[in-house]
Amino acid sequence: MKLYGFFNSSASYRVRIALNLKGIDAEHAGVNIRSGAHRDEAYTGINPAALVPALDDDGFRLGQSLAIIDYLDRKYPQPQLIPDEPQLRARVWEFSTLIACDLHPLNNLRVLRYLQQDLGLDEAQKNQWYAHWISDGLSKAETLLRQHGGGAWCFGDAPTLADCCLIPQLANARRMQCDLSPYPTLTRIEAHALAHPAFRSAAPEHQPDFSA
């Protein structure tokens, strides 16, 4: 099994966490999205969407981090990251898609580059955009967990897909020097997660393609 990703991609980070939690030893193939390697023909032949991550499981190739984690969870069901119980399953998906579909896409690299290169925003305006959407998304995530979460993790006493999505998003927010003090529930879970070796070893600074 091979994971194509980029050390600083939060979507790649999600999948690395899931692989680690399940004890799957996947080969890492770095795709430098800063230099545009994800648009090279060699990579778009693997993932036509020209995004990271992509998984190659003995010739079965799959993009989109949530689809990859769902695939891994069905093929390697222990430990289970997407619960079976209908209401808990729905909550995990609700939270995960809030992060992965509502918040993350507004602040990923291609959007930030478009804001600056095509729309002419300066660095301060770009950072203002980033901070606005981080605040908007994390406020909703904090409220959702206060109302419906519980336990050491987002939803209970074991990590789920929700935690795989949350921790990379908080890492991005910290990298951009966003104020996380309004989100004590999220940062409590983050501290707990980062004490877990599966989360710690998935962090960007521990990846073979890491660069400062």
C-alpha atoms as a PDB file:
ATOM      1  CA  MET A   1       0.000   0.000   0.000  1.00  0.00           C
ATOM      2  CA  LYS A   2       1.267   3.464  -0.917  1.00  0.00           C
ATOM      3  CA  LEU A   3       0.058   6.862   0.245  1.00  0.00           C
ATOM      4  CA  TYR A   4       0.755   9.832  -1.984  1.00  0.00           C
ATOM      5  CA  GLY A   5       0.702  12.999   0.073  1.00  0.00           C
ATOM      6  CA  PHE A   6       2.413  16.152   1.217  1.00  0.00           C
ATOM      7  CA  PHE A   7       3.751  16.599   4.726  1.00  0.00           C
ATOM      8  CA  ASN A   8       1.869  19.853   5.333  1.00  0.00           C
ATOM      9  CA  SER A   9      -1.410  18.811   3.717  1.00  0.00           C
ATOM     10  CA  SER A  10      -4.060  18.429   6.400  1.00  0.00           C
ATOM     11  CA  ALA A  11      -5.977  16.010   4.165  1.00  0.00           C
ATOM     12  CA  SER A  12      -2.871  13.809   3.920  1.00  0.00           C
ATOM     13  CA  TYR A  13      -2.372  14.191   7.673  1.00  0.00           C
ATOM     14  CA  ARG A  14      -5.886  12.776   8.292  1.00  0.00           C
ATOM     15  CA  VAL A  15      -5.075   9.618   6.366  1.00  0.00           C
ATOM     16  CA  ARG A  16      -1.691   9.210   8.057  1.00  0.00           C
ATOM     17  CA  ILE A  17      -3.460   9.251  11.429  1.00  0.00           C
ATOM     18  CA  ALA A  18      -5.943   6.610  10.280  1.00  0.00           C
ATOM     19  CA  LEU A  19      -3.185   4.378   8.912  1.00  0.00           C
ATOM     20  CA  ASN A  20      -1.257   4.688  12.170  1.00  0.00           C
ATOM     21  CA  LEU A  21      -4.292   3.940  14.325  1.00  0.00           C
ATOM     22  CA  LYS A  22      -4.907   0.787  12.321  1.00  0.00           C
ATOM     23  CA  GLY A  23      -1.257  -0.231  12.353  1.00  0.00           C
ATOM     24  CA  ILE A  24      -0.999  -0.245   8.553  1.00  0.00           C
ATOM     25  CA  ASP A  25       2.542   0.209   7.284  1.00  0.00           C
ATOM     26  CA  ALA A  26       2.044   2.154   4.059  1.00  0.00           C
ATOM     27  CA  GLU A  27       4.835   3.440   1.847  1.00  0.00           C
ATOM     28  CA  HIS A  28       4.943   7.237   1.737  1.00  0.00           C
ATOM     29  CA  ALA A  29       5.364   8.986  -1.608  1.00  0.00           C
ATOM     30  CA  GLY A  30       5.820  12.732  -1.307  1.00  0.00           C
ATOM     31  CA  VAL A  31       4.016  14.986  -3.793  1.00  0.00           C
ATOM     32  CA  ASN A  32       5.236  18.569  -3.482  1.00  0.00           C
ATOM     33  CA  ILE A  33       2.127  20.689  -3.964  1.00  0.00           C
ATOM     34  CA  ARG A  34       4.131  23.870  -3.377  1.00  0.00           C
ATOM     35  CA  SER A  35       6.145  23.231  -6.538  1.00  0.00           C
ATOM     36  CA  GLY A  36       3.144  21.960  -8.513  1.00  0.00           C
ATOM     37  CA  ALA A  37       4.088  18.275  -8.615  1.00  0.00           C
ATOM     38  CA  HIS A  38       0.428  17.360  -8.082  1.00  0.00           C
ATOM     39  CA  ARG A  39      -0.332  18.720 -11.565  1.00  0.00           C
ATOM     40  CA  ASP A  40       2.339  16.638 -13.294  1.00  0.00           C
ATOM     41  CA  GLU A  41       1.077  13.986 -15.681  1.00  0.00           C
ATOM     42  CA  ALA A  42       2.792  11.289 -13.643  1.00  0.00           C
ATOM     43  CA  TYR A  43       0.602  12.146 -10.658  1.00  0.00           C
ATOM     44  CA  THR A  44      -2.658  12.994 -12.426  1.00  0.00           C
ATOM     45  CA  GLY A  45      -2.492   9.504 -13.886  1.00  0.00           C
ATOM     46  CA  ILE A  46      -2.829   8.314 -10.289  1.00  0.00           C
ATOM     47  CA  ASN A  47      -5.301  10.947  -9.097  1.00  0.00           C
ATOM     48  CA  PRO A  48      -7.120  12.809 -11.898  1.00  0.00           C
ATOM     49  CA  ALA A  49      -8.302  15.434  -9.394  1.00  0.00           C
ATOM     50  CA  ALA A  50      -4.668  16.565  -9.008  1.00  0.00           C
ATOM     51  CA  LEU A  51      -5.037  16.743  -5.237  1.00  0.00           C
ATOM     52  CA  VAL A  52      -3.414  15.000  -2.299  1.00  0.00           C
ATOM     53  CA  PRO A  53      -3.753  12.510  -0.801  1.00  0.00           C
ATOM     54  CA  ALA A  54      -4.181   9.470  -3.003  1.00  0.00           C
ATOM     55  CA  LEU A  55      -4.010   5.846  -1.938  1.00  0.00           C
ATOM     56  CA  ASP A  56      -2.761   2.971  -4.072  1.00  0.00           C
ATOM     57  CA  ASP A  57      -3.764  -0.376  -2.615  1.00  0.00           C
ATOM     58  CA  ASP A  58      -2.352  -3.016  -4.953  1.00  0.00           C
ATOM     59  CA  GLY A  59      -3.547  -1.121  -8.020  1.00  0.00           C
ATOM     60  CA  PHE A  60      -6.778   0.217  -6.533  1.00  0.00           C
ATOM     61  CA  ARG A  61      -6.314   3.980  -6.565  1.00  0.00           C
ATOM     62  CA  LEU A  62      -8.468   6.333  -4.549  1.00  0.00           C
ATOM     63  CA  GLY A  63      -8.456  10.059  -3.827  1.00  0.00           C
ATOM     64  CA  GLN A  64     -10.239  12.203  -1.211  1.00  0.00           C
ATOM     65  CA  SER A  65      -9.191  11.724   2.391  1.00  0.00           C
ATOM     66  CA  LEU A  66     -12.625  10.858   3.788  1.00  0.00           C
ATOM     67  CA  ALA A  67     -13.230   8.278   1.071  1.00  0.00           C
ATOM     68  CA  ILE A  68      -9.805   6.782   1.773  1.00  0.00           C
ATOM     69  CA  ILE A  69     -10.448   6.547   5.517  1.00  0.00           C
ATOM     70  CA  ASP A  70     -13.869   5.004   4.911  1.00  0.00           C
ATOM     71  CA  TYR A  71     -12.247   2.442   2.590  1.00  0.00           C
ATOM     72  CA  LEU A  72      -9.571   1.631   5.174  1.00  0.00           C
ATOM     73  CA  ASP A  73     -12.186   1.338   7.909  1.00  0.00           C
ATOM     74  CA  ARG A  74     -14.166  -1.207   5.923  1.00  0.00           C
ATOM     75  CA  LYS A  75     -11.147  -3.212   4.810  1.00  0.00           C
ATOM     76  CA  TYR A  76      -9.386  -3.070   8.187  1.00  0.00           C
ATOM     77  CA  PRO A  77     -12.263  -2.709  10.668  1.00  0.00           C
ATOM     78  CA  GLN A  78     -10.207  -2.603  13.871  1.00  0.00           C
ATOM     79  CA  PRO A  79      -9.979  -0.205  15.504  1.00  0.00           C
ATOM     80  CA  GLN A  80     -13.196   1.164  14.070  1.00  0.00           C
ATOM     81  CA  LEU A  81     -13.065   4.848  13.152  1.00  0.00           C
ATOM     82  CA  ILE A  82     -16.600   5.216  11.781  1.00  0.00           C
ATOM     83  CA  PRO A  83     -19.104   3.784  14.275  1.00  0.00           C
ATOM     84  CA  ASP A  84     -21.962   1.475  13.326  1.00  0.00           C
ATOM     85  CA  GLU A  85     -24.557   2.889  15.720  1.00  0.00           C
ATOM     86  CA  PRO A  86     -26.683   5.175  13.501  1.00  0.00           C
ATOM     87  CA  GLN A  87     -26.830   8.308  15.646  1.00  0.00           C
ATOM     88  CA  LEU A  88     -23.179   8.218  16.701  1.00  0.00           C
ATOM     89  CA  ARG A  89     -22.161   7.487  13.114  1.00  0.00           C
ATOM     90  CA  ALA A  90     -24.168  10.503  11.952  1.00  0.00           C
ATOM     91  CA  ARG A  91     -22.540  12.761  14.562  1.00  0.00           C
ATOM     92  CA  VAL A  92     -19.058  11.639  13.534  1.00  0.00           C
ATOM     93  CA  TRP A  93     -19.850  12.350   9.885  1.00  0.00           C
ATOM     94  CA  GLU A  94     -21.487  15.676  10.761  1.00  0.00           C
ATOM     95  CA  PHE A  95     -18.378  16.880  12.575  1.00  0.00           C
ATOM     96  CA  SER A  96     -15.929  15.440  10.056  1.00  0.00           C
ATOM     97  CA  THR A  97     -17.618  17.077   7.085  1.00  0.00           C
ATOM     98  CA  LEU A  98     -17.867  20.386   8.955  1.00  0.00           C
ATOM     99  CA  ILE A  99     -14.067  20.352   9.111  1.00  0.00           C
ATOM    100  CA  ALA A 100     -13.244  18.686   5.803  1.00  0.00           C
ATOM    101  CA  CYS A 101     -15.955  20.142   3.558  1.00  0.00           C
ATOM    102  CA  ASP A 102     -16.960  23.493   5.081  1.00  0.00           C
ATOM    103  CA  LEU A 103     -13.802  24.821   6.758  1.00  0.00           C
ATOM    104  CA  HIS A 104     -10.739  23.286   5.148  1.00  0.00           C
ATOM    105  CA  PRO A 105     -11.481  24.015   1.448  1.00  0.00           C
ATOM    106  CA  LEU A 106     -11.732  27.769   2.074  1.00  0.00           C
ATOM    107  CA  ASN A 107      -8.185  27.915   3.398  1.00  0.00           C
ATOM    108  CA  ASN A 108      -6.231  25.378   1.395  1.00  0.00           C
ATOM    109  CA  LEU A 109      -3.184  26.288  -0.664  1.00  0.00           C
ATOM    110  CA  ARG A 110      -4.866  26.643  -4.053  1.00  0.00           C
ATOM    111  CA  VAL A 111      -7.486  29.037  -2.636  1.00  0.00           C
ATOM    112  CA  LEU A 112      -4.896  31.154  -0.823  1.00  0.00           C
ATOM    113  CA  ARG A 113      -2.774  31.352  -3.962  1.00  0.00           C
ATOM    114  CA  TYR A 114      -5.792  32.376  -6.032  1.00  0.00           C
ATOM    115  CA  LEU A 115      -6.596  35.144  -3.558  1.00  0.00           C
ATOM    116  CA  GLN A 116      -3.098  36.568  -3.908  1.00  0.00           C
ATOM    117  CA  GLN A 117      -2.065  35.760  -7.463  1.00  0.00           C
ATOM    118  CA  ASP A 118      -5.391  36.260  -9.261  1.00  0.00           C
ATOM    119  CA  LEU A 119      -7.375  38.614  -7.031  1.00  0.00           C
ATOM    120  CA  GLY A 120      -4.423  40.657  -5.819  1.00  0.00           C
ATOM    121  CA  LEU A 121      -4.840  40.339  -2.060  1.00  0.00           C
ATOM    122  CA  ASP A 122      -1.745  41.194  -0.063  1.00  0.00           C
ATOM    123  CA  GLU A 123      -0.337  39.032   2.747  1.00  0.00           C
ATOM    124  CA  ALA A 124      -2.297  40.821   5.469  1.00  0.00           C
ATOM    125  CA  GLN A 125      -5.570  40.466   3.569  1.00  0.00           C
ATOM    126  CA  LYS A 126      -4.886  36.792   2.910  1.00  0.00           C
ATOM    127  CA  ASN A 127      -4.215  36.205   6.600  1.00  0.00           C
ATOM    128  CA  GLN A 128      -7.402  38.073   7.494  1.00  0.00           C
ATOM    129  CA  TRP A 129      -9.349  35.759   5.162  1.00  0.00           C
ATOM    130  CA  TYR A 130      -7.722  32.721   6.764  1.00  0.00           C
ATOM    131  CA  ALA A 131      -8.382  33.859  10.332  1.00  0.00           C
ATOM    132  CA  HIS A 132     -12.011  34.702   9.544  1.00  0.00           C
ATOM    133  CA  TRP A 133     -12.853  31.251   8.227  1.00  0.00           C
ATOM    134  CA  ILE A 134     -10.873  29.499  10.958  1.00  0.00           C
ATOM    135  CA  SER A 135     -12.869  31.409  13.565  1.00  0.00           C
ATOM    136  CA  ASP A 136     -16.144  30.712  11.794  1.00  0.00           C
ATOM    137  CA  GLY A 137     -15.498  26.987  11.395  1.00  0.00           C
ATOM    138  CA  LEU A 138     -13.890  26.256  14.749  1.00  0.00           C
ATOM    139  CA  SER A 139     -16.620  28.147  16.608  1.00  0.00           C
ATOM    140  CA  LYS A 140     -19.182  25.827  15.053  1.00  0.00           C
ATOM    141  CA  ALA A 141     -17.044  22.771  15.775  1.00  0.00           C
ATOM    142  CA  GLU A 142     -16.634  23.831  19.415  1.00  0.00           C
ATOM    143  CA  THR A 143     -20.384  24.307  19.804  1.00  0.00           C
ATOM    144  CA  LEU A 144     -21.164  20.977  18.169  1.00  0.00           C
ATOM    145  CA  LEU A 145     -18.877  19.096  20.548  1.00  0.00           C
ATOM    146  CA  ARG A 146     -20.146  20.948  23.605  1.00  0.00           C
ATOM    147  CA  GLN A 147     -23.684  19.939  22.694  1.00  0.00           C
ATOM    148  CA  HIS A 148     -23.143  16.426  21.395  1.00  0.00           C
ATOM    149  CA  GLY A 149     -19.598  15.287  22.194  1.00  0.00           C
ATOM    150  CA  GLY A 150     -18.204  13.733  25.334  1.00  0.00           C
ATOM    151  CA  GLY A 151     -15.334  11.640  26.558  1.00  0.00           C
ATOM    152  CA  ALA A 152     -11.612  11.974  26.026  1.00  0.00           C
ATOM    153  CA  TRP A 153     -12.032  12.195  22.252  1.00  0.00           C
ATOM    154  CA  CYS A 154     -14.540  14.030  20.077  1.00  0.00           C
ATOM    155  CA  PHE A 155     -17.215  11.383  20.532  1.00  0.00           C
ATOM    156  CA  GLY A 156     -16.439   8.990  23.336  1.00  0.00           C
ATOM    157  CA  ASP A 157     -13.394   7.232  24.699  1.00  0.00           C
ATOM    158  CA  ALA A 158     -11.811   6.118  21.420  1.00  0.00           C
ATOM    159  CA  PRO A 159     -10.635   8.112  18.391  1.00  0.00           C
ATOM    160  CA  THR A 160     -12.877   8.319  15.349  1.00  0.00           C
ATOM    161  CA  LEU A 161     -12.845   9.924  11.933  1.00  0.00           C
ATOM    162  CA  ALA A 162     -13.784  13.163  13.706  1.00  0.00           C
ATOM    163  CA  ASP A 163     -10.478  13.231  15.587  1.00  0.00           C
ATOM    164  CA  CYS A 164      -8.585  12.401  12.390  1.00  0.00           C
ATOM    165  CA  CYS A 165     -10.105  15.559  10.878  1.00  0.00           C
ATOM    166  CA  LEU A 166      -9.828  17.859  13.890  1.00  0.00           C
ATOM    167  CA  ILE A 167      -6.150  17.519  14.778  1.00  0.00           C
ATOM    168  CA  PRO A 168      -4.731  18.468  11.339  1.00  0.00           C
ATOM    169  CA  GLN A 169      -7.062  21.458  11.148  1.00  0.00           C
ATOM    170  CA  LEU A 170      -5.850  22.731  14.515  1.00  0.00           C
ATOM    171  CA  ALA A 171      -2.253  22.210  13.386  1.00  0.00           C
ATOM    172  CA  ASN A 172      -2.960  24.428  10.378  1.00  0.00           C
ATOM    173  CA  ALA A 173      -4.535  27.069  12.594  1.00  0.00           C
ATOM    174  CA  ARG A 174      -1.508  27.068  14.890  1.00  0.00           C
ATOM    175  CA  ARG A 175       0.854  27.309  11.925  1.00  0.00           C
ATOM    176  CA  MET A 176      -1.024  30.438  10.823  1.00  0.00           C
ATOM    177  CA  GLN A 177      -0.857  31.804  14.398  1.00  0.00           C
ATOM    178  CA  CYS A 178      -4.622  31.822  14.915  1.00  0.00           C
ATOM    179  CA  ASP A 179      -5.939  32.346  18.439  1.00  0.00           C
ATOM    180  CA  LEU A 180      -7.326  29.033  19.697  1.00  0.00           C
ATOM    181  CA  SER A 181      -8.214  30.188  23.213  1.00  0.00           C
ATOM    182  CA  PRO A 182     -11.958  30.435  22.385  1.00  0.00           C
ATOM    183  CA  TYR A 183     -12.068  26.681  21.729  1.00  0.00           C
ATOM    184  CA  PRO A 184     -11.234  24.885  25.000  1.00  0.00           C
ATOM    185  CA  THR A 185     -13.067  21.699  24.040  1.00  0.00           C
ATOM    186  CA  LEU A 186     -11.145  21.396  20.789  1.00  0.00           C
ATOM    187  CA  THR A 187      -7.771  22.136  22.372  1.00  0.00           C
ATOM    188  CA  ARG A 188      -8.428  19.690  25.232  1.00  0.00           C
ATOM    189  CA  ILE A 189      -9.013  16.936  22.685  1.00  0.00           C
ATOM    190  CA  GLU A 190      -5.957  18.078  20.739  1.00  0.00           C
ATOM    191  CA  ALA A 191      -3.717  17.766  23.807  1.00  0.00           C
ATOM    192  CA  HIS A 192      -5.061  14.282  24.482  1.00  0.00           C
ATOM    193  CA  ALA A 193      -4.574  13.219  20.859  1.00  0.00           C
ATOM    194  CA  LEU A 194      -1.021  14.508  20.585  1.00  0.00           C
ATOM    195  CA  ALA A 195      -0.035  12.300  23.514  1.00  0.00           C
ATOM    196  CA  HIS A 196      -1.052   9.286  21.397  1.00  0.00           C
ATOM    197  CA  PRO A 197       1.761   7.860  19.236  1.00  0.00           C
ATOM    198  CA  ALA A 198      -0.500   7.376  16.197  1.00  0.00           C
ATOM    199  CA  PHE A 199      -1.276  11.088  16.118  1.00  0.00           C
ATOM    200  CA  ARG A 200       2.189  12.234  17.126  1.00  0.00           C
ATOM    201  CA  SER A 201       4.012  10.257  14.435  1.00  0.00           C
ATOM    202  CA  ALA A 202       1.564  11.465  11.763  1.00  0.00           C
ATOM    203  CA  ALA A 203       2.489  15.112  12.369  1.00  0.00           C
ATOM    204  CA  PRO A 204       4.060  17.045   9.486  1.00  0.00           C
ATOM    205  CA  GLU A 205       7.470  17.407  11.128  1.00  0.00           C
ATOM    206  CA  HIS A 206       7.861  13.620  11.307  1.00  0.00           C
ATOM    207  CA  GLN A 207       7.303  12.989   7.589  1.00  0.00           C
ATOM    208  CA  PRO A 208      10.121  12.050   5.185  1.00  0.00           C
ATOM    209  CA  ASP A 209       9.305  14.961   2.853  1.00  0.00           C
ATOM    210  CA  PHE A 210       9.222  17.544   5.654  1.00  0.00           C
ATOM    211  CA  SER A 211      10.813  20.910   5.007  1.00  0.00           C
ATOM    212  CA  ALA A 212      10.584  24.005   7.171  1.00  0.00           C
END
